Amino acid sequence: MAQPLKKLMSCVILDLDGTLLNTDGMFSEVLKTFLVKYGKEWDGREKHKIVGKTPLEEAAIIVEDYGLPCAKHEFVNEVYSMFSDHLCKVKALPGANRLIKHLSCHGVPMALASNSHRATIESKISYQHGWNESFSVIVGSDEVRTGKPSPDIFLEAAKRLNMEPSSSLVIEDSVIGVVAGKAAGMEVVAVPSLPKQTHRYTAADEVINSLLDLRPEKWGLPPFQDWIEGTLPSEPWYIGGPVVKGLGRGSKLICLQRVIQMSFQNIPRGSILVGLDYQHEVFIKWL
């Protein structure tokens, strides 16, 4: 079924952390290790406070909330050094590679606009095949006066792309990113990274569950050619998170199999492969 055109867009400006890369999970693991030496425990409940923030803003929040005996600059230097050692393990989020490849193949101008510093952004994407050459513009928070929720990063990205803000489509996972995109006069698609928080994204022009649900044609961009209504996408899905307590080592796998059985009852069992890797992540794809 043809999708109604919302607005004609000429370029796409993407956030990185939580939108394209699953860095949040890895950052949480690093924080757990870091806080142990201070006798503290990271349980993820403060995640909503730091999503989308600049490194120094994240540091200030965590140092204050946990009463750490270190300055925020010391926190950044140590934690981000630890985090850099794990960047090679960070996976792309569902639909990220598909979207980047699709837009690149169709010549749609793309930019990365992140609250991370420019050097950190380049390090993160260096482990993702084909990403470096796909983005003609990269803007970090250290290259503008103020990071998100200020519109500076997005306005700078549009300027470097030689595009008008009004013809730029922003894709973001955080509330402050959505606010920044709208403040820049751009259209914004939100892919919320925080579960059960979609009610906070009312400022977005569209809210989707994952990049796999994006319909580029709604924004005047080339449509995906691999979409078949009512089926799973052709690329792998990586689903992280803790194993459900009380159900044993393979509980996540069991729970997911139940979901598959309920959601895809008409699909032959031989059509889906489910496995659990050494990082306790579930892998699903068409055979």
C-alpha atoms as a PDB file:
ATOM      1  CA  MET A   1       0.000   0.000   0.000  1.00  0.00           C
ATOM      2  CA  ALA A   2       1.390   3.418  -0.983  1.00  0.00           C
ATOM      3  CA  GLN A   3       2.374   5.591   1.967  1.00  0.00           C
ATOM      4  CA  PRO A   4       1.024   9.184   2.066  1.00  0.00           C
ATOM      5  CA  LEU A   5       3.781  11.767   1.561  1.00  0.00           C
ATOM      6  CA  LYS A   6       4.431  13.764   4.719  1.00  0.00           C
ATOM      7  CA  LYS A   7       6.984  16.199   3.307  1.00  0.00           C
ATOM      8  CA  LEU A   8       9.644  16.213   0.605  1.00  0.00           C
ATOM      9  CA  MET A   9      13.084  15.746   2.191  1.00  0.00           C
ATOM     10  CA  SER A  10      16.449  16.218   0.437  1.00  0.00           C
ATOM     11  CA  CYS A  11      18.853  14.794   3.021  1.00  0.00           C
ATOM     12  CA  VAL A  12      18.978  12.683   6.181  1.00  0.00           C
ATOM     13  CA  ILE A  13      20.800  13.653   9.374  1.00  0.00           C
ATOM     14  CA  LEU A  14      21.306  10.765  11.781  1.00  0.00           C
ATOM     15  CA  ASP A  15      22.208  10.573  15.429  1.00  0.00           C
ATOM     16  CA  LEU A  16      24.717   7.814  16.253  1.00  0.00           C
ATOM     17  CA  ASP A  17      24.504   6.441  19.806  1.00  0.00           C
ATOM     18  CA  GLY A  18      21.256   4.626  20.425  1.00  0.00           C
ATOM     19  CA  THR A  19      20.040   5.366  16.904  1.00  0.00           C
ATOM     20  CA  LEU A  20      22.552   3.524  14.715  1.00  0.00           C
ATOM     21  CA  LEU A  21      24.834   1.860  17.253  1.00  0.00           C
ATOM     22  CA  ASN A  22      24.023  -0.066  20.422  1.00  0.00           C
ATOM     23  CA  THR A  23      26.629   1.831  22.429  1.00  0.00           C
ATOM     24  CA  ASP A  24      24.312   2.299  25.406  1.00  0.00           C
ATOM     25  CA  GLY A  25      24.567  -1.344  26.425  1.00  0.00           C
ATOM     26  CA  MET A  26      28.349  -1.348  26.212  1.00  0.00           C
ATOM     27  CA  PHE A  27      28.607   1.958  28.090  1.00  0.00           C
ATOM     28  CA  SER A  28      26.504   0.494  30.900  1.00  0.00           C
ATOM     29  CA  GLU A  29      28.888  -2.471  31.175  1.00  0.00           C
ATOM     30  CA  VAL A  30      31.864  -0.094  31.390  1.00  0.00           C
ATOM     31  CA  LEU A  31      30.112   1.994  34.057  1.00  0.00           C
ATOM     32  CA  LYS A  32      29.459  -1.106  36.149  1.00  0.00           C
ATOM     33  CA  THR A  33      33.167  -1.925  36.126  1.00  0.00           C
ATOM     34  CA  PHE A  34      34.198   1.674  36.830  1.00  0.00           C
ATOM     35  CA  LEU A  35      31.833   2.170  39.779  1.00  0.00           C
ATOM     36  CA  VAL A  36      32.892  -1.038  41.528  1.00  0.00           C
ATOM     37  CA  LYS A  37      36.172   0.533  42.659  1.00  0.00           C
ATOM     38  CA  TYR A  38      34.167   3.200  44.496  1.00  0.00           C
ATOM     39  CA  GLY A  39      31.907   0.624  46.080  1.00  0.00           C
ATOM     40  CA  LYS A  40      28.984   1.715  43.911  1.00  0.00           C
ATOM     41  CA  GLU A  41      26.658  -0.258  41.660  1.00  0.00           C
ATOM     42  CA  TRP A  42      25.204   0.824  38.317  1.00  0.00           C
ATOM     43  CA  ASP A  43      21.753  -0.677  37.797  1.00  0.00           C
ATOM     44  CA  GLY A  44      20.679   1.368  34.792  1.00  0.00           C
ATOM     45  CA  ARG A  45      17.911   3.299  36.548  1.00  0.00           C
ATOM     46  CA  GLU A  46      19.699   6.590  35.862  1.00  0.00           C
ATOM     47  CA  LYS A  47      19.986   5.861  32.147  1.00  0.00           C
ATOM     48  CA  HIS A  48      17.160   8.235  31.251  1.00  0.00           C
ATOM     49  CA  LYS A  49      19.169  11.110  32.756  1.00  0.00           C
ATOM     50  CA  ILE A  50      22.179  10.653  30.467  1.00  0.00           C
ATOM     51  CA  VAL A  51      20.687   9.489  27.159  1.00  0.00           C
ATOM     52  CA  GLY A  52      21.714  11.922  24.431  1.00  0.00           C
ATOM     53  CA  LYS A  53      23.903  14.071  26.694  1.00  0.00           C
ATOM     54  CA  THR A  54      27.433  15.261  25.897  1.00  0.00           C
ATOM     55  CA  PRO A  55      30.298  13.359  27.591  1.00  0.00           C
ATOM     56  CA  LEU A  56      30.848  16.121  30.165  1.00  0.00           C
ATOM     57  CA  GLU A  57      27.126  16.348  30.915  1.00  0.00           C
ATOM     58  CA  GLU A  58      26.978  12.586  31.429  1.00  0.00           C
ATOM     59  CA  ALA A  59      30.003  12.768  33.713  1.00  0.00           C
ATOM     60  CA  ALA A  60      28.563  15.617  35.798  1.00  0.00           C
ATOM     61  CA  ILE A  61      25.294  13.697  36.347  1.00  0.00           C
ATOM     62  CA  ILE A  62      26.957  10.417  37.351  1.00  0.00           C
ATOM     63  CA  VAL A  63      29.632  12.033  39.560  1.00  0.00           C
ATOM     64  CA  GLU A  64      26.941  13.973  41.438  1.00  0.00           C
ATOM     65  CA  ASP A  65      24.360  11.175  41.698  1.00  0.00           C
ATOM     66  CA  TYR A  66      26.906   8.655  42.983  1.00  0.00           C
ATOM     67  CA  GLY A  67      28.925  11.095  45.075  1.00  0.00           C
ATOM     68  CA  LEU A  68      32.156  10.100  43.356  1.00  0.00           C
ATOM     69  CA  PRO A  69      35.429  11.600  44.674  1.00  0.00           C
ATOM     70  CA  CYS A  70      36.612  12.647  41.217  1.00  0.00           C
ATOM     71  CA  ALA A  71      36.138  15.596  38.859  1.00  0.00           C
ATOM     72  CA  LYS A  72      33.970  15.192  35.782  1.00  0.00           C
ATOM     73  CA  HIS A  73      37.010  15.574  33.494  1.00  0.00           C
ATOM     74  CA  GLU A  74      38.745  12.716  35.334  1.00  0.00           C
ATOM     75  CA  PHE A  75      35.599  10.626  34.950  1.00  0.00           C
ATOM     76  CA  VAL A  76      35.487  11.285  31.195  1.00  0.00           C
ATOM     77  CA  ASN A  77      39.158  10.468  30.686  1.00  0.00           C
ATOM     78  CA  GLU A  78      39.015   7.159  32.550  1.00  0.00           C
ATOM     79  CA  VAL A  79      35.581   5.886  31.539  1.00  0.00           C
ATOM     80  CA  TYR A  80      35.882   6.789  27.877  1.00  0.00           C
ATOM     81  CA  SER A  81      39.335   5.242  27.749  1.00  0.00           C
ATOM     82  CA  MET A  82      37.799   1.996  29.036  1.00  0.00           C
ATOM     83  CA  PHE A  83      34.897   2.364  26.623  1.00  0.00           C
ATOM     84  CA  SER A  84      37.235   2.818  23.635  1.00  0.00           C
ATOM     85  CA  ASP A  85      38.748  -0.588  24.329  1.00  0.00           C
ATOM     86  CA  HIS A  86      35.344  -2.189  23.688  1.00  0.00           C
ATOM     87  CA  LEU A  87      34.252  -0.286  20.567  1.00  0.00           C
ATOM     88  CA  CYS A  88      35.096  -3.215  18.311  1.00  0.00           C
ATOM     89  CA  LYS A  89      32.333  -5.209  20.059  1.00  0.00           C
ATOM     90  CA  VAL A  90      29.566  -2.651  19.527  1.00  0.00           C
ATOM     91  CA  LYS A  91      26.882  -3.826  17.094  1.00  0.00           C
ATOM     92  CA  ALA A  92      24.713  -1.839  14.720  1.00  0.00           C
ATOM     93  CA  LEU A  93      21.086  -1.574  15.792  1.00  0.00           C
ATOM     94  CA  PRO A  94      18.377  -3.344  13.762  1.00  0.00           C
ATOM     95  CA  GLY A  95      17.919  -1.676  10.388  1.00  0.00           C
ATOM     96  CA  ALA A  96      20.966   0.622  10.644  1.00  0.00           C
ATOM     97  CA  ASN A  97      23.122  -1.082   7.995  1.00  0.00           C
ATOM     98  CA  ARG A  98      20.107  -1.536   5.747  1.00  0.00           C
ATOM     99  CA  LEU A  99      19.190   2.168   5.954  1.00  0.00           C
ATOM    100  CA  ILE A 100      22.726   3.473   5.453  1.00  0.00           C
ATOM    101  CA  LYS A 101      23.347   1.209   2.472  1.00  0.00           C
ATOM    102  CA  HIS A 102      19.968   2.088   0.946  1.00  0.00           C
ATOM    103  CA  LEU A 103      20.413   5.865   1.212  1.00  0.00           C
ATOM    104  CA  SER A 104      24.020   5.675   0.034  1.00  0.00           C
ATOM    105  CA  CYS A 105      23.125   3.577  -3.012  1.00  0.00           C
ATOM    106  CA  HIS A 106      20.444   6.091  -3.983  1.00  0.00           C
ATOM    107  CA  GLY A 107      22.742   9.090  -3.558  1.00  0.00           C
ATOM    108  CA  VAL A 108      20.801  10.616  -0.661  1.00  0.00           C
ATOM    109  CA  PRO A 109      23.110  13.041   1.213  1.00  0.00           C
ATOM    110  CA  MET A 110      23.701  11.855   4.783  1.00  0.00           C
ATOM    111  CA  ALA A 111      25.275  13.380   7.870  1.00  0.00           C
ATOM    112  CA  LEU A 112      26.084  12.124  11.348  1.00  0.00           C
ATOM    113  CA  ALA A 113      25.268  14.634  14.092  1.00  0.00           C
ATOM    114  CA  SER A 114      26.129  13.428  17.581  1.00  0.00           C
ATOM    115  CA  ASN A 115      26.710  14.852  21.045  1.00  0.00           C
ATOM    116  CA  SER A 116      29.884  12.748  21.152  1.00  0.00           C
ATOM    117  CA  HIS A 117      33.147  14.410  20.187  1.00  0.00           C
ATOM    118  CA  ARG A 118      34.221  14.193  16.550  1.00  0.00           C
ATOM    119  CA  ALA A 119      37.195  11.903  17.235  1.00  0.00           C
ATOM    120  CA  THR A 120      34.998   9.547  19.271  1.00  0.00           C
ATOM    121  CA  ILE A 121      32.393   9.406  16.499  1.00  0.00           C
ATOM    122  CA  GLU A 122      35.050   8.476  13.943  1.00  0.00           C
ATOM    123  CA  SER A 123      36.409   5.770  16.257  1.00  0.00           C
ATOM    124  CA  LYS A 124      32.953   4.278  16.751  1.00  0.00           C
ATOM    125  CA  ILE A 125      32.071   4.059  13.071  1.00  0.00           C
ATOM    126  CA  SER A 126      35.520   2.816  12.043  1.00  0.00           C
ATOM    127  CA  TYR A 127      34.466  -0.690  13.122  1.00  0.00           C
ATOM    128  CA  GLN A 128      31.311  -0.611  10.966  1.00  0.00           C
ATOM    129  CA  HIS A 129      31.887  -1.718   7.380  1.00  0.00           C
ATOM    130  CA  GLY A 130      31.138   0.984   4.810  1.00  0.00           C
ATOM    131  CA  TRP A 131      30.008   3.669   7.247  1.00  0.00           C
ATOM    132  CA  ASN A 132      32.977   6.026   6.911  1.00  0.00           C
ATOM    133  CA  GLU A 133      32.507   6.490   3.195  1.00  0.00           C
ATOM    134  CA  SER A 134      28.711   6.714   3.421  1.00  0.00           C
ATOM    135  CA  PHE A 135      28.604   9.940   5.441  1.00  0.00           C
ATOM    136  CA  SER A 136      29.778  13.055   3.636  1.00  0.00           C
ATOM    137  CA  VAL A 137      29.431  15.112   6.821  1.00  0.00           C
ATOM    138  CA  ILE A 138      30.160  14.338  10.486  1.00  0.00           C
ATOM    139  CA  VAL A 139      29.504  16.868  13.255  1.00  0.00           C
ATOM    140  CA  GLY A 140      30.406  16.385  16.931  1.00  0.00           C
ATOM    141  CA  SER A 141      29.482  18.486  19.951  1.00  0.00           C
ATOM    142  CA  ASP A 142      33.053  19.760  20.191  1.00  0.00           C
ATOM    143  CA  GLU A 143      32.660  21.426  16.780  1.00  0.00           C
ATOM    144  CA  VAL A 144      29.754  23.683  17.713  1.00  0.00           C
ATOM    145  CA  ARG A 145      29.040  26.198  20.434  1.00  0.00           C
ATOM    146  CA  THR A 146      26.414  24.120  22.239  1.00  0.00           C
ATOM    147  CA  GLY A 147      25.377  20.474  22.008  1.00  0.00           C
ATOM    148  CA  LYS A 148      21.847  19.098  21.898  1.00  0.00           C
ATOM    149  CA  PRO A 149      19.162  20.118  22.857  1.00  0.00           C
ATOM    150  CA  SER A 150      20.515  23.234  21.164  1.00  0.00           C
ATOM    151  CA  PRO A 151      19.926  23.051  17.374  1.00  0.00           C
ATOM    152  CA  ASP A 152      23.578  23.977  16.631  1.00  0.00           C
ATOM    153  CA  ILE A 153      24.738  20.473  15.658  1.00  0.00           C
ATOM    154  CA  PHE A 154      21.884  19.896  13.225  1.00  0.00           C
ATOM    155  CA  LEU A 155      22.135  23.369  11.702  1.00  0.00           C
ATOM    156  CA  GLU A 156      25.866  22.874  11.178  1.00  0.00           C
ATOM    157  CA  ALA A 157      25.239  19.490   9.551  1.00  0.00           C
ATOM    158  CA  ALA A 158      22.690  20.984   7.126  1.00  0.00           C
ATOM    159  CA  LYS A 159      25.072  23.842   6.353  1.00  0.00           C
ATOM    160  CA  ARG A 160      27.914  21.449   5.497  1.00  0.00           C
ATOM    161  CA  LEU A 161      25.538  19.414   3.335  1.00  0.00           C
ATOM    162  CA  ASN A 162      24.468  22.635   1.561  1.00  0.00           C
ATOM    163  CA  MET A 163      20.856  21.835   2.428  1.00  0.00           C
ATOM    164  CA  GLU A 164      18.059  23.906   3.902  1.00  0.00           C
ATOM    165  CA  PRO A 165      17.011  22.854   7.424  1.00  0.00           C
ATOM    166  CA  SER A 166      13.404  22.631   6.260  1.00  0.00           C
ATOM    167  CA  SER A 167      14.354  19.926   3.743  1.00  0.00           C
ATOM    168  CA  SER A 168      16.377  17.891   6.258  1.00  0.00           C
ATOM    169  CA  LEU A 169      15.056  14.745   7.956  1.00  0.00           C
ATOM    170  CA  VAL A 170      16.507  13.997  11.393  1.00  0.00           C
ATOM    171  CA  ILE A 171      16.429  10.497  12.890  1.00  0.00           C
ATOM    172  CA  GLU A 172      16.958  10.434  16.658  1.00  0.00           C
ATOM    173  CA  ASP A 173      16.562   8.138  19.655  1.00  0.00           C
ATOM    174  CA  SER A 174      16.657  10.674  22.502  1.00  0.00           C
ATOM    175  CA  VAL A 175      14.165  13.297  23.621  1.00  0.00           C
ATOM    176  CA  ILE A 176      16.808  16.031  23.655  1.00  0.00           C
ATOM    177  CA  GLY A 177      17.773  15.051  20.115  1.00  0.00           C
ATOM    178  CA  VAL A 178      14.161  15.406  18.996  1.00  0.00           C
ATOM    179  CA  VAL A 179      13.969  18.818  20.683  1.00  0.00           C
ATOM    180  CA  ALA A 180      17.186  19.878  18.934  1.00  0.00           C
ATOM    181  CA  GLY A 181      15.936  18.744  15.538  1.00  0.00           C
ATOM    182  CA  LYS A 182      12.644  20.590  15.863  1.00  0.00           C
ATOM    183  CA  ALA A 183      14.444  23.709  17.128  1.00  0.00           C
ATOM    184  CA  ALA A 184      16.534  23.559  13.935  1.00  0.00           C
ATOM    185  CA  GLY A 185      13.339  23.691  11.868  1.00  0.00           C
ATOM    186  CA  MET A 186      13.699  20.100  10.643  1.00  0.00           C
ATOM    187  CA  GLU A 187      11.368  17.121  10.385  1.00  0.00           C
ATOM    188  CA  VAL A 188      12.164  14.490  13.037  1.00  0.00           C
ATOM    189  CA  VAL A 189      11.573  10.748  13.191  1.00  0.00           C
ATOM    190  CA  ALA A 190      12.066   9.346  16.693  1.00  0.00           C
ATOM    191  CA  VAL A 191      13.227   5.806  17.418  1.00  0.00           C
ATOM    192  CA  PRO A 192      12.983   5.811  21.248  1.00  0.00           C
ATOM    193  CA  SER A 193      15.876   4.047  22.956  1.00  0.00           C
ATOM    194  CA  LEU A 194      14.136   3.953  26.332  1.00  0.00           C
ATOM    195  CA  PRO A 195      11.399   1.340  26.722  1.00  0.00           C
ATOM    196  CA  LYS A 196       7.898   2.536  27.628  1.00  0.00           C
ATOM    197  CA  GLN A 197       8.905   6.174  27.109  1.00  0.00           C
ATOM    198  CA  THR A 198       7.205   6.910  23.783  1.00  0.00           C
ATOM    199  CA  HIS A 199       4.856   9.393  25.503  1.00  0.00           C
ATOM    200  CA  ARG A 200       7.842  11.734  25.920  1.00  0.00           C
ATOM    201  CA  TYR A 201       8.361  12.020  22.158  1.00  0.00           C
ATOM    202  CA  THR A 202       5.272  14.055  21.289  1.00  0.00           C
ATOM    203  CA  ALA A 203       7.402  16.737  19.609  1.00  0.00           C
ATOM    204  CA  ALA A 204       8.548  14.265  16.927  1.00  0.00           C
ATOM    205  CA  ASP A 205       6.816  14.206  13.539  1.00  0.00           C
ATOM    206  CA  GLU A 206       6.784  10.418  13.616  1.00  0.00           C
ATOM    207  CA  VAL A 207       7.636   7.774  16.222  1.00  0.00           C
ATOM    208  CA  ILE A 208       8.689   4.277  15.119  1.00  0.00           C
ATOM    209  CA  ASN A 209       9.768   1.178  17.022  1.00  0.00           C
ATOM    210  CA  SER A 210      13.002   0.621  15.095  1.00  0.00           C
ATOM    211  CA  LEU A 211      14.744   1.662  11.889  1.00  0.00           C
ATOM    212  CA  LEU A 212      13.200  -1.422  10.305  1.00  0.00           C
ATOM    213  CA  ASP A 213       9.846   0.380  10.470  1.00  0.00           C
ATOM    214  CA  LEU A 214      11.034   3.491   8.630  1.00  0.00           C
ATOM    215  CA  ARG A 215       9.262   4.171   5.318  1.00  0.00           C
ATOM    216  CA  PRO A 216      11.521   6.576   3.372  1.00  0.00           C
ATOM    217  CA  GLU A 217       8.851   7.163   0.716  1.00  0.00           C
ATOM    218  CA  LYS A 218       6.731   8.966   3.325  1.00  0.00           C
ATOM    219  CA  TRP A 219       9.429  11.643   3.286  1.00  0.00           C
ATOM    220  CA  GLY A 220       9.926  11.796  -0.472  1.00  0.00           C
ATOM    221  CA  LEU A 221      12.968   9.510  -0.332  1.00  0.00           C
ATOM    222  CA  PRO A 222      13.542   6.310  -2.371  1.00  0.00           C
ATOM    223  CA  PRO A 223      11.538   3.375  -0.933  1.00  0.00           C
ATOM    224  CA  PHE A 224      13.122   0.144   0.230  1.00  0.00           C
ATOM    225  CA  GLN A 225      12.926  -2.556  -2.410  1.00  0.00           C
ATOM    226  CA  ASP A 226      13.227  -5.464   0.046  1.00  0.00           C
ATOM    227  CA  TRP A 227      10.036  -4.774   1.993  1.00  0.00           C
ATOM    228  CA  ILE A 228       7.358  -7.443   1.834  1.00  0.00           C
ATOM    229  CA  GLU A 229       4.274  -6.668   3.901  1.00  0.00           C
ATOM    230  CA  GLY A 230       3.860  -8.938   6.907  1.00  0.00           C
ATOM    231  CA  THR A 231       7.331 -10.510   6.900  1.00  0.00           C
ATOM    232  CA  LEU A 232      10.591 -10.187   8.798  1.00  0.00           C
ATOM    233  CA  PRO A 233      13.428  -8.150   7.220  1.00  0.00           C
ATOM    234  CA  SER A 234      16.304  -9.955   5.529  1.00  0.00           C
ATOM    235  CA  GLU A 235      19.054  -8.712   7.831  1.00  0.00           C
ATOM    236  CA  PRO A 236      19.911 -10.166  11.278  1.00  0.00           C
ATOM    237  CA  TRP A 237      18.343  -8.818  14.468  1.00  0.00           C
ATOM    238  CA  TYR A 238      20.475  -8.535  17.599  1.00  0.00           C
ATOM    239  CA  ILE A 239      18.489  -8.274  20.806  1.00  0.00           C
ATOM    240  CA  GLY A 240      20.442  -7.637  24.014  1.00  0.00           C
ATOM    241  CA  GLY A 241      19.531  -7.429  27.677  1.00  0.00           C
ATOM    242  CA  PRO A 242      19.617  -9.506  30.863  1.00  0.00           C
ATOM    243  CA  VAL A 243      18.431 -13.100  31.022  1.00  0.00           C
ATOM    244  CA  VAL A 244      15.069 -13.309  32.790  1.00  0.00           C
ATOM    245  CA  LYS A 245      15.612 -14.199  36.459  1.00  0.00           C
ATOM    246  CA  GLY A 246      14.374 -17.500  37.720  1.00  0.00           C
ATOM    247  CA  LEU A 247      14.106 -19.227  34.368  1.00  0.00           C
ATOM    248  CA  GLY A 248      17.682 -20.403  33.964  1.00  0.00           C
ATOM    249  CA  ARG A 249      20.564 -19.782  31.558  1.00  0.00           C
ATOM    250  CA  GLY A 250      18.530 -20.130  28.361  1.00  0.00           C
ATOM    251  CA  SER A 251      15.477 -18.227  29.561  1.00  0.00           C
ATOM    252  CA  LYS A 252      15.766 -15.388  27.064  1.00  0.00           C
ATOM    253  CA  LEU A 253      15.915 -17.842  24.194  1.00  0.00           C
ATOM    254  CA  ILE A 254      12.889 -19.697  25.524  1.00  0.00           C
ATOM    255  CA  CYS A 255      10.894 -16.479  25.963  1.00  0.00           C
ATOM    256  CA  LEU A 256      11.772 -15.274  22.477  1.00  0.00           C
ATOM    257  CA  GLN A 257      10.816 -18.618  20.953  1.00  0.00           C
ATOM    258  CA  ARG A 258       7.429 -18.254  22.619  1.00  0.00           C
ATOM    259  CA  VAL A 259       7.027 -14.784  21.119  1.00  0.00           C
ATOM    260  CA  ILE A 260       7.930 -16.141  17.686  1.00  0.00           C
ATOM    261  CA  GLN A 261       5.471 -18.982  18.052  1.00  0.00           C
ATOM    262  CA  MET A 262       2.707 -16.557  18.994  1.00  0.00           C
ATOM    263  CA  SER A 263       3.551 -13.862  16.438  1.00  0.00           C
ATOM    264  CA  PHE A 264       4.487 -16.008  13.440  1.00  0.00           C
ATOM    265  CA  GLN A 265       2.266 -19.055  13.739  1.00  0.00           C
ATOM    266  CA  ASN A 266       1.752 -19.243   9.984  1.00  0.00           C
ATOM    267  CA  ILE A 267       5.484 -19.212   9.182  1.00  0.00           C
ATOM    268  CA  PRO A 268       7.118 -22.653   8.780  1.00  0.00           C
ATOM    269  CA  ARG A 269       9.559 -23.426  11.592  1.00  0.00           C
ATOM    270  CA  GLY A 270      12.357 -23.919   9.066  1.00  0.00           C
ATOM    271  CA  SER A 271      12.120 -20.273   8.039  1.00  0.00           C
ATOM    272  CA  ILE A 272      13.616 -18.853  11.232  1.00  0.00           C
ATOM    273  CA  LEU A 273      16.959 -19.461  12.900  1.00  0.00           C
ATOM    274  CA  VAL A 274      17.288 -18.621  16.587  1.00  0.00           C
ATOM    275  CA  GLY A 275      20.554 -18.860  18.520  1.00  0.00           C
ATOM    276  CA  LEU A 276      22.208 -17.530  21.671  1.00  0.00           C
ATOM    277  CA  ASP A 277      25.768 -16.224  21.323  1.00  0.00           C
ATOM    278  CA  TYR A 278      28.455 -15.891  24.010  1.00  0.00           C
ATOM    279  CA  GLN A 279      27.248 -12.377  24.938  1.00  0.00           C
ATOM    280  CA  HIS A 280      23.723 -13.708  25.596  1.00  0.00           C
ATOM    281  CA  GLU A 281      22.256 -11.971  22.563  1.00  0.00           C
ATOM    282  CA  VAL A 282      19.571 -13.519  20.435  1.00  0.00           C
ATOM    283  CA  PHE A 283      20.172 -13.802  16.704  1.00  0.00           C
ATOM    284  CA  ILE A 284      17.246 -14.077  14.291  1.00  0.00           C
ATOM    285  CA  LYS A 285      17.243 -14.139  10.509  1.00  0.00           C
ATOM    286  CA  TRP A 286      15.658 -15.730   7.508  1.00  0.00           C
ATOM    287  CA  LEU A 287      17.316 -18.982   6.466  1.00  0.00           C
END
